[in-house]
N, C-alpha and C. Protein backbone atom coordinates (compact mmCIF):
# COMPACT_ATOMS: atom_id res chain seq x y z
N ASN A 1 0.85 -1.18 0.00
CA ASN A 1 0.00 0.00 0.00
C ASN A 1 0.89 1.24 0.00
N ALA A 2 1.23 1.74 -1.19
CA ALA A 2 2.16 2.85 -1.34
C ALA A 2 1.60 4.17 -0.84
N MET A 3 0.29 4.26 -0.70
CA MET A 3 -0.31 5.52 -0.27
C MET A 3 -0.55 5.56 1.23
N ASN A 4 -0.16 4.50 1.93
CA ASN A 4 -0.32 4.43 3.39
C ASN A 4 -1.76 4.69 3.83
N LEU A 5 -2.69 4.02 3.18
CA LEU A 5 -4.10 4.18 3.51
C LEU A 5 -4.54 3.12 4.50
N PRO A 6 -5.45 3.47 5.40
CA PRO A 6 -6.05 2.45 6.26
C PRO A 6 -6.91 1.51 5.40
N PRO A 7 -7.14 0.29 5.86
CA PRO A 7 -7.86 -0.71 5.06
C PRO A 7 -9.22 -0.22 4.53
N ASP A 8 -9.98 0.51 5.35
CA ASP A 8 -11.29 0.95 4.87
C ASP A 8 -11.16 1.95 3.72
N LYS A 9 -10.16 2.82 3.78
CA LYS A 9 -9.94 3.78 2.69
C LYS A 9 -9.42 3.08 1.44
N ALA A 10 -8.57 2.06 1.62
CA ALA A 10 -8.06 1.30 0.48
C ALA A 10 -9.19 0.59 -0.24
N ARG A 11 -10.14 0.02 0.52
CA ARG A 11 -11.31 -0.63 -0.10
C ARG A 11 -12.12 0.37 -0.91
N LEU A 12 -12.32 1.54 -0.33
CA LEU A 12 -13.07 2.59 -1.02
C LEU A 12 -12.36 2.99 -2.32
N LEU A 13 -11.05 3.12 -2.26
CA LEU A 13 -10.27 3.49 -3.43
C LEU A 13 -10.39 2.45 -4.53
N ARG A 14 -10.39 1.17 -4.17
CA ARG A 14 -10.52 0.11 -5.17
C ARG A 14 -11.86 0.16 -5.89
N GLN A 15 -12.87 0.74 -5.27
CA GLN A 15 -14.19 0.82 -5.88
C GLN A 15 -14.29 1.92 -6.94
N TYR A 16 -13.37 2.87 -6.92
CA TYR A 16 -13.40 3.96 -7.90
C TYR A 16 -13.10 3.44 -9.30
N ASP A 17 -13.68 4.11 -10.31
CA ASP A 17 -13.33 3.75 -11.68
C ASP A 17 -11.94 4.32 -12.01
N ASN A 18 -11.38 3.88 -13.13
CA ASN A 18 -10.01 4.27 -13.48
C ASN A 18 -9.86 5.77 -13.67
N GLU A 19 -10.88 6.42 -14.19
CA GLU A 19 -10.81 7.87 -14.40
C GLU A 19 -10.65 8.60 -13.06
N LYS A 20 -11.43 8.18 -12.07
CA LYS A 20 -11.36 8.79 -10.74
C LYS A 20 -10.00 8.50 -10.10
N LYS A 21 -9.49 7.28 -10.27
CA LYS A 21 -8.18 6.93 -9.72
C LYS A 21 -7.08 7.79 -10.35
N TRP A 22 -7.16 7.98 -11.66
CA TRP A 22 -6.16 8.79 -12.35
C TRP A 22 -6.21 10.24 -11.85
N GLU A 23 -7.40 10.75 -11.64
CA GLU A 23 -7.57 12.10 -11.11
C GLU A 23 -6.90 12.23 -9.74
N LEU A 24 -7.07 11.23 -8.91
CA LEU A 24 -6.44 11.24 -7.58
C LEU A 24 -4.92 11.20 -7.68
N ILE A 25 -4.40 10.41 -8.62
CA ILE A 25 -2.95 10.33 -8.81
C ILE A 25 -2.40 11.68 -9.25
N CYS A 26 -3.08 12.32 -10.18
CA CYS A 26 -2.63 13.64 -10.66
C CYS A 26 -2.66 14.67 -9.53
N ASP A 27 -3.70 14.63 -8.71
CA ASP A 27 -3.77 15.53 -7.56
C ASP A 27 -2.61 15.29 -6.61
N GLN A 28 -2.29 14.02 -6.37
CA GLN A 28 -1.20 13.65 -5.46
C GLN A 28 0.13 14.20 -5.97
N GLU A 29 0.37 14.09 -7.29
CA GLU A 29 1.63 14.55 -7.86
C GLU A 29 1.78 16.07 -7.76
N ARG A 30 0.68 16.79 -7.84
CA ARG A 30 0.74 18.25 -7.75
C ARG A 30 1.21 18.71 -6.38
N PHE A 31 0.97 17.90 -5.36
CA PHE A 31 1.30 18.31 -4.00
C PHE A 31 2.62 17.72 -3.50
N GLN A 32 3.33 17.02 -4.38
CA GLN A 32 4.62 16.49 -3.96
C GLN A 32 5.68 17.59 -4.04
N VAL A 33 6.61 17.54 -3.14
CA VAL A 33 7.67 18.55 -3.05
C VAL A 33 8.55 18.47 -4.30
N LYS A 34 8.76 19.61 -4.93
CA LYS A 34 9.59 19.67 -6.13
C LYS A 34 11.07 19.79 -5.76
N ASN A 35 11.39 20.66 -4.82
CA ASN A 35 12.78 20.88 -4.40
C ASN A 35 12.87 20.86 -2.88
N PRO A 36 13.89 20.19 -2.36
CA PRO A 36 14.09 20.23 -0.91
C PRO A 36 14.60 21.61 -0.48
N PRO A 37 14.47 21.97 0.79
CA PRO A 37 14.89 23.29 1.27
C PRO A 37 16.33 23.64 0.93
N HIS A 38 17.24 22.67 1.05
CA HIS A 38 18.66 22.99 0.83
C HIS A 38 18.94 23.46 -0.60
N THR A 39 18.08 23.10 -1.56
CA THR A 39 18.25 23.57 -2.93
C THR A 39 18.15 25.09 -2.99
N TYR A 40 17.11 25.64 -2.36
CA TYR A 40 16.93 27.10 -2.35
C TYR A 40 18.03 27.79 -1.56
N ILE A 41 18.41 27.19 -0.45
CA ILE A 41 19.44 27.78 0.41
C ILE A 41 20.77 27.85 -0.34
N GLN A 42 21.14 26.78 -1.03
CA GLN A 42 22.40 26.78 -1.79
C GLN A 42 22.36 27.82 -2.90
N LYS A 43 21.22 27.94 -3.58
CA LYS A 43 21.11 28.94 -4.65
C LYS A 43 21.27 30.35 -4.09
N LEU A 44 20.60 30.64 -2.98
CA LEU A 44 20.71 31.98 -2.39
C LEU A 44 22.14 32.26 -1.93
N LYS A 45 22.78 31.26 -1.33
CA LYS A 45 24.18 31.45 -0.90
C LYS A 45 25.07 31.74 -2.11
N GLY A 46 24.75 31.12 -3.23
CA GLY A 46 25.53 31.34 -4.45
C GLY A 46 25.45 32.75 -4.98
N TYR A 47 24.38 33.45 -4.63
CA TYR A 47 24.21 34.83 -5.09
C TYR A 47 24.90 35.84 -4.17
N LEU A 48 25.51 35.39 -3.09
CA LEU A 48 26.12 36.29 -2.11
C LEU A 48 27.59 36.61 -2.41
N ASP A 49 27.95 36.67 -3.66
CA ASP A 49 29.34 36.93 -4.04
C ASP A 49 29.53 38.40 -4.38
N PRO A 50 30.24 39.17 -3.55
CA PRO A 50 30.41 40.60 -3.80
C PRO A 50 31.32 40.91 -4.99
N ALA A 51 32.05 39.92 -5.50
CA ALA A 51 32.99 40.15 -6.60
C ALA A 51 32.33 40.06 -7.98
N VAL A 52 31.03 39.89 -8.03
CA VAL A 52 30.32 39.74 -9.31
C VAL A 52 30.32 41.08 -10.06
N THR A 53 30.60 41.01 -11.36
CA THR A 53 30.59 42.24 -12.17
C THR A 53 29.17 42.77 -12.31
N ARG A 54 29.07 44.04 -12.70
CA ARG A 54 27.75 44.69 -12.82
C ARG A 54 26.85 43.96 -13.81
N LYS A 55 27.40 43.54 -14.94
CA LYS A 55 26.61 42.84 -15.95
C LYS A 55 26.09 41.50 -15.40
N LYS A 56 26.98 40.76 -14.78
CA LYS A 56 26.58 39.48 -14.18
C LYS A 56 25.59 39.71 -13.04
N PHE A 57 25.77 40.81 -12.32
CA PHE A 57 24.88 41.10 -11.19
C PHE A 57 23.44 41.26 -11.67
N ARG A 58 23.24 41.97 -12.78
CA ARG A 58 21.87 42.15 -13.30
C ARG A 58 21.23 40.82 -13.64
N ARG A 59 22.00 39.95 -14.29
CA ARG A 59 21.48 38.62 -14.64
C ARG A 59 21.17 37.82 -13.37
N ARG A 60 22.04 37.93 -12.39
CA ARG A 60 21.82 37.21 -11.13
C ARG A 60 20.59 37.71 -10.40
N VAL A 61 20.31 39.00 -10.50
CA VAL A 61 19.10 39.54 -9.86
C VAL A 61 17.87 38.90 -10.47
N GLN A 62 17.86 38.76 -11.80
CA GLN A 62 16.72 38.12 -12.46
C GLN A 62 16.59 36.66 -12.02
N GLU A 63 17.72 35.95 -11.99
CA GLU A 63 17.71 34.55 -11.57
C GLU A 63 17.26 34.42 -10.12
N SER A 64 17.80 35.27 -9.26
CA SER A 64 17.47 35.16 -7.84
C SER A 64 16.02 35.54 -7.57
N THR A 65 15.48 36.46 -8.37
CA THR A 65 14.07 36.81 -8.23
C THR A 65 13.20 35.58 -8.48
N GLN A 66 13.56 34.79 -9.49
CA GLN A 66 12.82 33.57 -9.79
C GLN A 66 12.95 32.57 -8.63
N VAL A 67 14.15 32.44 -8.09
CA VAL A 67 14.37 31.54 -6.95
C VAL A 67 13.52 31.97 -5.76
N LEU A 68 13.47 33.28 -5.50
CA LEU A 68 12.66 33.80 -4.39
C LEU A 68 11.18 33.53 -4.61
N ARG A 69 10.71 33.64 -5.85
CA ARG A 69 9.31 33.32 -6.15
C ARG A 69 9.01 31.86 -5.86
N GLU A 70 9.91 30.99 -6.33
CA GLU A 70 9.72 29.55 -6.10
C GLU A 70 9.78 29.22 -4.61
N LEU A 71 10.69 29.87 -3.90
CA LEU A 71 10.80 29.66 -2.45
C LEU A 71 9.52 30.09 -1.75
N GLU A 72 8.99 31.22 -2.14
CA GLU A 72 7.74 31.72 -1.54
C GLU A 72 6.61 30.71 -1.74
N ILE A 73 6.51 30.16 -2.94
CA ILE A 73 5.48 29.16 -3.22
C ILE A 73 5.71 27.92 -2.37
N SER A 74 6.96 27.48 -2.28
CA SER A 74 7.28 26.29 -1.49
C SER A 74 6.95 26.50 -0.01
N LEU A 75 7.27 27.67 0.51
CA LEU A 75 6.97 27.95 1.92
C LEU A 75 5.46 27.97 2.18
N ARG A 76 4.69 28.41 1.20
CA ARG A 76 3.23 28.47 1.37
C ARG A 76 2.55 27.13 1.17
N THR A 77 3.07 26.31 0.26
CA THR A 77 2.31 25.13 -0.17
C THR A 77 2.85 23.80 0.33
N ASN A 78 4.11 23.72 0.72
CA ASN A 78 4.64 22.44 1.20
C ASN A 78 4.19 22.18 2.64
N HIS A 79 4.29 20.93 3.03
CA HIS A 79 3.89 20.53 4.38
C HIS A 79 4.78 21.20 5.43
N ILE A 80 4.32 21.22 6.65
CA ILE A 80 5.02 21.91 7.74
C ILE A 80 6.41 21.33 7.99
N GLY A 81 6.58 20.04 7.72
CA GLY A 81 7.89 19.42 7.87
C GLY A 81 8.93 20.04 6.95
N TRP A 82 8.50 20.41 5.74
CA TRP A 82 9.39 21.08 4.78
C TRP A 82 9.84 22.43 5.35
N VAL A 83 8.89 23.17 5.89
CA VAL A 83 9.18 24.49 6.46
C VAL A 83 10.12 24.34 7.65
N ARG A 84 9.87 23.36 8.50
CA ARG A 84 10.76 23.13 9.65
C ARG A 84 12.17 22.78 9.20
N GLU A 85 12.26 21.98 8.14
CA GLU A 85 13.59 21.63 7.62
C GLU A 85 14.29 22.88 7.08
N PHE A 86 13.54 23.74 6.41
CA PHE A 86 14.10 25.00 5.90
C PHE A 86 14.66 25.84 7.04
N LEU A 87 13.95 25.86 8.16
CA LEU A 87 14.31 26.71 9.29
C LEU A 87 15.28 26.07 10.28
N ASN A 88 15.54 24.76 10.16
CA ASN A 88 16.31 24.07 11.20
C ASN A 88 17.74 24.60 11.34
N GLU A 89 18.41 24.16 12.40
CA GLU A 89 19.76 24.64 12.74
C GLU A 89 20.76 24.34 11.62
N GLU A 90 20.60 23.21 10.97
CA GLU A 90 21.55 22.83 9.92
C GLU A 90 21.41 23.73 8.69
N ASN A 91 20.18 23.97 8.26
CA ASN A 91 19.94 24.77 7.04
C ASN A 91 19.95 26.27 7.28
N ARG A 92 19.44 26.70 8.45
CA ARG A 92 19.38 28.13 8.78
C ARG A 92 18.76 28.94 7.64
N GLY A 93 17.66 28.43 7.08
CA GLY A 93 17.04 29.06 5.92
C GLY A 93 16.66 30.51 6.12
N LEU A 94 16.10 30.84 7.28
CA LEU A 94 15.70 32.22 7.54
C LEU A 94 16.92 33.14 7.57
N ASP A 95 17.99 32.68 8.22
CA ASP A 95 19.22 33.48 8.28
C ASP A 95 19.78 33.73 6.88
N VAL A 96 19.80 32.68 6.06
CA VAL A 96 20.32 32.81 4.70
C VAL A 96 19.44 33.76 3.88
N LEU A 97 18.14 33.65 4.04
CA LEU A 97 17.21 34.53 3.32
C LEU A 97 17.41 35.99 3.71
N VAL A 98 17.51 36.26 5.01
CA VAL A 98 17.73 37.63 5.49
C VAL A 98 19.09 38.14 5.01
N GLU A 99 20.10 37.29 5.07
CA GLU A 99 21.43 37.68 4.61
C GLU A 99 21.40 38.04 3.12
N TYR A 100 20.71 37.22 2.33
CA TYR A 100 20.60 37.50 0.89
C TYR A 100 19.86 38.82 0.64
N LEU A 101 18.73 39.01 1.31
CA LEU A 101 17.95 40.24 1.10
C LEU A 101 18.74 41.48 1.50
N SER A 102 19.50 41.39 2.59
CA SER A 102 20.34 42.52 3.01
C SER A 102 21.43 42.79 1.98
N PHE A 103 22.06 41.73 1.51
CA PHE A 103 23.11 41.84 0.49
C PHE A 103 22.54 42.48 -0.78
N ALA A 104 21.40 41.98 -1.23
CA ALA A 104 20.79 42.49 -2.47
C ALA A 104 20.40 43.95 -2.33
N GLN A 105 19.91 44.34 -1.17
CA GLN A 105 19.49 45.72 -0.94
C GLN A 105 20.67 46.68 -1.09
N TYR A 106 21.82 46.31 -0.54
CA TYR A 106 22.98 47.20 -0.57
C TYR A 106 23.80 47.06 -1.86
N ALA A 107 23.60 45.98 -2.58
CA ALA A 107 24.36 45.76 -3.82
C ALA A 107 23.77 46.53 -4.99
N VAL A 108 22.54 46.96 -4.88
CA VAL A 108 21.85 47.64 -6.00
C VAL A 108 22.35 49.06 -6.15
């Protein structure tokens, strides 16, 4: 039972027609985590290089803006365990985010 369903729910699921089952599978895939927290943290840390030239800096701002958008979506839509992992002592996601935002503010 890959979906970790209790027996009564598994019986109910078996009664659904294939179209309904496929719909449930598609819904399940939409809610699966696309990137773990450390992916966003590593990307943000990568943008903290003060030696970047002005031309590269502009491109990095565009790239980092996209990363921040994706991070915002992940923080809103992923399960609480994902958020806790982002914030934990090892990842220090909030610290990295604040550090990046401060760096970006003064680098402009």
